[in-house]
């Protein structure tokens, strides 16, 4: 499995999804070139992409002003992602996947920061978001390891953890595309 995850402290919690896996053959980060990303994707059948992003792709780390100026995964990589089993966990990864008809497990909007909760009218404190995000990622890791990827969205949405508005929102924004 190739993992693409920029070394952004605000998404470090996502490293739980791969750090103990024995099948990780490549770890691509913000210092990797576009060619490095393409070559790593070409070599593997499973690609895990994690971090912040939008419908145009997965962000690299932000600059000193907090602005992400590079997409570490974008439309240039789609030709290499087709035919692969993908796991894309970033805000609006599902829109990226739908647009390019990619296969696998993808997240929609996931609230991982306070400003995202405010923008989506979800009552939560920073502390609640941080705590619940750790549980969300841990539960997602368990589901990815125990179930077929196509079952993960349903299992997560039915989880006992999905009781608060924050958790209902996050746990119901996972999608599987054939």
C-alpha atoms as a PDB file:
ATOM      1  CA  UNK A   1       0.000   0.000   0.000  1.00  0.00           C
ATOM      2  CA  UNK A   2       1.164   3.509  -0.800  1.00  0.00           C
ATOM      3  CA  UNK A   3       0.284   6.166   1.777  1.00  0.00           C
ATOM      4  CA  UNK A   4       0.179   9.841   0.813  1.00  0.00           C
ATOM      5  CA  UNK A   5       0.029  12.019   3.924  1.00  0.00           C
ATOM      6  CA  UNK A   6       1.533  15.484   4.270  1.00  0.00           C
ATOM      7  CA  UNK A   7       3.301  16.076   7.572  1.00  0.00           C
ATOM      8  CA  UNK A   8       0.722  18.551   8.869  1.00  0.00           C
ATOM      9  CA  UNK A   9       0.346  18.577  12.675  1.00  0.00           C
ATOM     10  CA  UNK A  10      -3.423  19.129  12.363  1.00  0.00           C
ATOM     11  CA  UNK A  11      -3.838  15.798  10.541  1.00  0.00           C
ATOM     12  CA  UNK A  12      -1.266  13.765  12.479  1.00  0.00           C
ATOM     13  CA  UNK A  13      -4.116  11.799  14.081  1.00  0.00           C
ATOM     14  CA  UNK A  14      -4.709  10.166  10.675  1.00  0.00           C
ATOM     15  CA  UNK A  15      -1.339   8.417  10.876  1.00  0.00           C
ATOM     16  CA  UNK A  16      -3.098   5.886  13.136  1.00  0.00           C
ATOM     17  CA  UNK A  17      -4.631   4.468   9.941  1.00  0.00           C
ATOM     18  CA  UNK A  18      -1.274   3.227   8.651  1.00  0.00           C
ATOM     19  CA  UNK A  19       1.519   3.426  11.223  1.00  0.00           C
ATOM     20  CA  UNK A  20       1.158  -0.179  12.437  1.00  0.00           C
ATOM     21  CA  UNK A  21       0.346  -1.737   9.056  1.00  0.00           C
ATOM     22  CA  UNK A  22       2.910  -4.087   7.603  1.00  0.00           C
ATOM     23  CA  UNK A  23       1.784  -3.616   4.006  1.00  0.00           C
ATOM     24  CA  UNK A  24       2.924   0.028   3.601  1.00  0.00           C
ATOM     25  CA  UNK A  25       5.485   0.045   0.799  1.00  0.00           C
ATOM     26  CA  UNK A  26       5.776   3.820   0.324  1.00  0.00           C
ATOM     27  CA  UNK A  27       5.061   6.886   2.440  1.00  0.00           C
ATOM     28  CA  UNK A  28       4.709  10.022   0.359  1.00  0.00           C
ATOM     29  CA  UNK A  29       4.812  13.381   2.153  1.00  0.00           C
ATOM     30  CA  UNK A  30       5.008  17.099   1.386  1.00  0.00           C
ATOM     31  CA  UNK A  31       8.646  16.892   0.291  1.00  0.00           C
ATOM     32  CA  UNK A  32       7.840  14.296  -2.387  1.00  0.00           C
ATOM     33  CA  UNK A  33       7.827  15.519  -5.970  1.00  0.00           C
ATOM     34  CA  UNK A  34       4.960  15.067  -8.387  1.00  0.00           C
ATOM     35  CA  UNK A  35       7.022  12.337 -10.061  1.00  0.00           C
ATOM     36  CA  UNK A  36       7.534  10.595  -6.691  1.00  0.00           C
ATOM     37  CA  UNK A  37       3.758  10.607  -6.163  1.00  0.00           C
ATOM     38  CA  UNK A  38       3.058   9.239  -9.639  1.00  0.00           C
ATOM     39  CA  UNK A  39       5.694   6.506  -9.381  1.00  0.00           C
ATOM     40  CA  UNK A  40       4.484   5.375  -5.956  1.00  0.00           C
ATOM     41  CA  UNK A  41       0.878   5.202  -7.153  1.00  0.00           C
ATOM     42  CA  UNK A  42       1.905   3.203 -10.218  1.00  0.00           C
ATOM     43  CA  UNK A  43       3.670   0.574  -8.092  1.00  0.00           C
ATOM     44  CA  UNK A  44       0.804  -0.257  -5.724  1.00  0.00           C
ATOM     45  CA  UNK A  45      -2.752  -1.527  -6.011  1.00  0.00           C
ATOM     46  CA  UNK A  46      -3.958   0.191  -2.809  1.00  0.00           C
ATOM     47  CA  UNK A  47      -3.484   3.931  -2.304  1.00  0.00           C
ATOM     48  CA  UNK A  48      -4.304   5.682   0.995  1.00  0.00           C
ATOM     49  CA  UNK A  49      -4.508   9.485   0.793  1.00  0.00           C
ATOM     50  CA  UNK A  50      -4.909  11.441   4.020  1.00  0.00           C
ATOM     51  CA  UNK A  51      -5.018  15.028   5.248  1.00  0.00           C
ATOM     52  CA  UNK A  52      -6.770  18.259   4.385  1.00  0.00           C
ATOM     53  CA  UNK A  53      -8.114  18.949   0.945  1.00  0.00           C
ATOM     54  CA  UNK A  54     -11.024  19.956  -1.207  1.00  0.00           C
ATOM     55  CA  UNK A  55     -12.845  18.708  -4.285  1.00  0.00           C
ATOM     56  CA  UNK A  56      -9.740  19.457  -6.369  1.00  0.00           C
ATOM     57  CA  UNK A  57      -7.462  17.155  -4.366  1.00  0.00           C
ATOM     58  CA  UNK A  58      -5.323  16.531  -1.311  1.00  0.00           C
ATOM     59  CA  UNK A  59      -3.373  19.465   0.118  1.00  0.00           C
ATOM     60  CA  UNK A  60       0.283  19.493   0.997  1.00  0.00           C
ATOM     61  CA  UNK A  61       1.188  21.367   4.199  1.00  0.00           C
ATOM     62  CA  UNK A  62       0.209  25.023   4.528  1.00  0.00           C
ATOM     63  CA  UNK A  63       2.755  27.822   4.237  1.00  0.00           C
ATOM     64  CA  UNK A  64       3.592  30.181   7.129  1.00  0.00           C
ATOM     65  CA  UNK A  65       0.367  32.117   6.468  1.00  0.00           C
ATOM     66  CA  UNK A  66      -1.708  28.933   6.698  1.00  0.00           C
ATOM     67  CA  UNK A  67      -2.402  28.758   2.969  1.00  0.00           C
ATOM     68  CA  UNK A  68      -2.046  25.460   1.090  1.00  0.00           C
ATOM     69  CA  UNK A  69      -0.462  26.305  -2.239  1.00  0.00           C
ATOM     70  CA  UNK A  70       0.136  22.778  -3.507  1.00  0.00           C
ATOM     71  CA  UNK A  71      -2.119  19.820  -4.076  1.00  0.00           C
ATOM     72  CA  UNK A  72      -0.045  16.698  -3.466  1.00  0.00           C
ATOM     73  CA  UNK A  73      -2.813  14.689  -5.225  1.00  0.00           C
ATOM     74  CA  UNK A  74      -4.779  16.374  -7.991  1.00  0.00           C
ATOM     75  CA  UNK A  75      -6.262  15.786 -11.441  1.00  0.00           C
ATOM     76  CA  UNK A  76      -2.765  15.031 -12.805  1.00  0.00           C
ATOM     77  CA  UNK A  77      -2.749  11.845 -10.710  1.00  0.00           C
ATOM     78  CA  UNK A  78      -6.168  10.518 -11.691  1.00  0.00           C
ATOM     79  CA  UNK A  79      -4.857   8.445 -14.603  1.00  0.00           C
ATOM     80  CA  UNK A  80      -2.596   6.605 -12.149  1.00  0.00           C
ATOM     81  CA  UNK A  81      -5.353   6.188  -9.512  1.00  0.00           C
ATOM     82  CA  UNK A  82      -7.844   4.587 -11.897  1.00  0.00           C
ATOM     83  CA  UNK A  83      -8.089   0.852 -11.374  1.00  0.00           C
ATOM     84  CA  UNK A  84      -6.617   1.124  -7.872  1.00  0.00           C
ATOM     85  CA  UNK A  85      -8.363   0.568  -4.570  1.00  0.00           C
ATOM     86  CA  UNK A  86      -8.297   4.005  -2.987  1.00  0.00           C
ATOM     87  CA  UNK A  87      -8.864   5.254   0.528  1.00  0.00           C
ATOM     88  CA  UNK A  88      -9.224   9.033   0.532  1.00  0.00           C
ATOM     89  CA  UNK A  89      -9.791  10.719   3.882  1.00  0.00           C
ATOM     90  CA  UNK A  90      -9.860  14.489   3.447  1.00  0.00           C
ATOM     91  CA  UNK A  91     -12.673  17.019   3.268  1.00  0.00           C
ATOM     92  CA  UNK A  92     -14.551  16.580  -0.001  1.00  0.00           C
ATOM     93  CA  UNK A  93     -12.485  13.591  -1.143  1.00  0.00           C
ATOM     94  CA  UNK A  94     -15.810  12.041  -2.161  1.00  0.00           C
ATOM     95  CA  UNK A  95     -16.411  14.876  -4.647  1.00  0.00           C
ATOM     96  CA  UNK A  96     -12.942  14.354  -6.119  1.00  0.00           C
ATOM     97  CA  UNK A  97     -13.635  10.611  -6.399  1.00  0.00           C
ATOM     98  CA  UNK A  98     -17.085  11.062  -7.953  1.00  0.00           C
ATOM     99  CA  UNK A  99     -15.835  13.594 -10.475  1.00  0.00           C
ATOM    100  CA  UNK A 100     -13.044  11.302 -11.641  1.00  0.00           C
ATOM    101  CA  UNK A 101     -14.917   8.017 -11.099  1.00  0.00           C
ATOM    102  CA  UNK A 102     -12.391   6.574  -8.681  1.00  0.00           C
ATOM    103  CA  UNK A 103     -12.936   3.324  -6.788  1.00  0.00           C
ATOM    104  CA  UNK A 104     -12.801   2.925  -3.024  1.00  0.00           C
ATOM    105  CA  UNK A 105     -13.603   4.523   0.326  1.00  0.00           C
ATOM    106  CA  UNK A 106     -13.756   8.315   0.479  1.00  0.00           C
ATOM    107  CA  UNK A 107     -14.835  10.903   3.016  1.00  0.00           C
ATOM    108  CA  UNK A 108     -17.007  13.902   2.444  1.00  0.00           C
ATOM    109  CA  UNK A 109     -16.718  16.896   4.706  1.00  0.00           C
ATOM    110  CA  UNK A 110     -15.327  15.814   8.086  1.00  0.00           C
ATOM    111  CA  UNK A 111     -15.167  18.247  10.980  1.00  0.00           C
ATOM    112  CA  UNK A 112     -11.651  18.149  12.390  1.00  0.00           C
ATOM    113  CA  UNK A 113     -11.201  21.816  13.322  1.00  0.00           C
ATOM    114  CA  UNK A 114     -13.315  24.372  15.183  1.00  0.00           C
ATOM    115  CA  UNK A 115     -13.864  26.670  12.194  1.00  0.00           C
ATOM    116  CA  UNK A 116     -15.336  23.699  10.284  1.00  0.00           C
ATOM    117  CA  UNK A 117     -17.843  23.076  13.082  1.00  0.00           C
ATOM    118  CA  UNK A 118     -18.834  26.748  13.055  1.00  0.00           C
ATOM    119  CA  UNK A 119     -19.209  26.758   9.243  1.00  0.00           C
ATOM    120  CA  UNK A 120     -21.456  23.686   9.423  1.00  0.00           C
ATOM    121  CA  UNK A 121     -23.490  24.845  12.454  1.00  0.00           C
ATOM    122  CA  UNK A 122     -22.352  21.924  14.586  1.00  0.00           C
ATOM    123  CA  UNK A 123     -22.034  22.767  18.279  1.00  0.00           C
ATOM    124  CA  UNK A 124     -18.649  21.581  19.550  1.00  0.00           C
ATOM    125  CA  UNK A 125     -15.585  22.844  21.340  1.00  0.00           C
ATOM    126  CA  UNK A 126     -12.025  22.415  20.068  1.00  0.00           C
ATOM    127  CA  UNK A 127     -11.418  19.897  22.836  1.00  0.00           C
ATOM    128  CA  UNK A 128     -14.491  17.857  21.845  1.00  0.00           C
ATOM    129  CA  UNK A 129     -13.448  17.903  18.195  1.00  0.00           C
ATOM    130  CA  UNK A 130      -9.904  16.771  19.005  1.00  0.00           C
ATOM    131  CA  UNK A 131     -11.099  14.014  21.318  1.00  0.00           C
ATOM    132  CA  UNK A 132     -13.826  12.777  18.999  1.00  0.00           C
ATOM    133  CA  UNK A 133     -11.496  12.874  15.986  1.00  0.00           C
ATOM    134  CA  UNK A 134      -9.115  10.474  17.736  1.00  0.00           C
ATOM    135  CA  UNK A 135     -12.018   8.096  18.406  1.00  0.00           C
ATOM    136  CA  UNK A 136     -13.310   8.501  14.831  1.00  0.00           C
ATOM    137  CA  UNK A 137      -9.923   7.638  13.335  1.00  0.00           C
ATOM    138  CA  UNK A 138      -9.438   4.704  15.704  1.00  0.00           C
ATOM    139  CA  UNK A 139     -12.882   3.352  14.821  1.00  0.00           C
ATOM    140  CA  UNK A 140     -12.216   3.905  11.108  1.00  0.00           C
ATOM    141  CA  UNK A 141      -8.929   1.998  11.425  1.00  0.00           C
ATOM    142  CA  UNK A 142     -10.746  -0.915  13.068  1.00  0.00           C
ATOM    143  CA  UNK A 143     -13.415  -0.943  10.366  1.00  0.00           C
ATOM    144  CA  UNK A 144     -10.873  -0.825   7.527  1.00  0.00           C
ATOM    145  CA  UNK A 145      -9.060  -3.792   9.096  1.00  0.00           C
ATOM    146  CA  UNK A 146     -12.177  -5.871   9.885  1.00  0.00           C
ATOM    147  CA  UNK A 147     -14.570  -5.197   7.001  1.00  0.00           C
ATOM    148  CA  UNK A 148     -14.555  -4.907   3.246  1.00  0.00           C
ATOM    149  CA  UNK A 149     -14.135  -1.247   2.309  1.00  0.00           C
ATOM    150  CA  UNK A 150     -17.639  -1.167   0.813  1.00  0.00           C
ATOM    151  CA  UNK A 151     -19.088  -2.030   4.261  1.00  0.00           C
ATOM    152  CA  UNK A 152     -17.191   0.672   6.168  1.00  0.00           C
ATOM    153  CA  UNK A 153     -19.608   3.603   5.572  1.00  0.00           C
ATOM    154  CA  UNK A 154     -22.598   1.628   6.849  1.00  0.00           C
ATOM    155  CA  UNK A 155     -20.723   0.219   9.854  1.00  0.00           C
ATOM    156  CA  UNK A 156     -19.379   3.656  10.792  1.00  0.00           C
ATOM    157  CA  UNK A 157     -22.780   5.358  10.441  1.00  0.00           C
ATOM    158  CA  UNK A 158     -24.383   2.702  12.660  1.00  0.00           C
ATOM    159  CA  UNK A 159     -21.632   3.022  15.285  1.00  0.00           C
ATOM    160  CA  UNK A 160     -22.560   3.568  18.915  1.00  0.00           C
ATOM    161  CA  UNK A 161     -20.209   6.566  18.857  1.00  0.00           C
ATOM    162  CA  UNK A 162     -22.408   8.371  16.330  1.00  0.00           C
ATOM    163  CA  UNK A 163     -24.736   9.981  18.856  1.00  0.00           C
ATOM    164  CA  UNK A 164     -23.724  13.635  19.164  1.00  0.00           C
ATOM    165  CA  UNK A 165     -24.320  16.093  16.316  1.00  0.00           C
ATOM    166  CA  UNK A 166     -20.570  16.196  15.671  1.00  0.00           C
ATOM    167  CA  UNK A 167     -20.266  12.418  15.462  1.00  0.00           C
ATOM    168  CA  UNK A 168     -23.437  11.943  13.416  1.00  0.00           C
ATOM    169  CA  UNK A 169     -22.022  14.461  10.958  1.00  0.00           C
ATOM    170  CA  UNK A 170     -18.563  12.867  10.706  1.00  0.00           C
ATOM    171  CA  UNK A 171     -19.644   9.223  10.807  1.00  0.00           C
ATOM    172  CA  UNK A 172     -22.239   9.734   8.073  1.00  0.00           C
ATOM    173  CA  UNK A 173     -19.822  11.355   5.609  1.00  0.00           C
ATOM    174  CA  UNK A 174     -18.048   8.235   4.385  1.00  0.00           C
ATOM    175  CA  UNK A 175     -18.783   6.795   0.945  1.00  0.00           C
ATOM    176  CA  UNK A 176     -17.786   3.793  -1.084  1.00  0.00           C
ATOM    177  CA  UNK A 177     -17.640   3.970  -4.866  1.00  0.00           C
ATOM    178  CA  UNK A 178     -17.504   0.866  -7.080  1.00  0.00           C
END
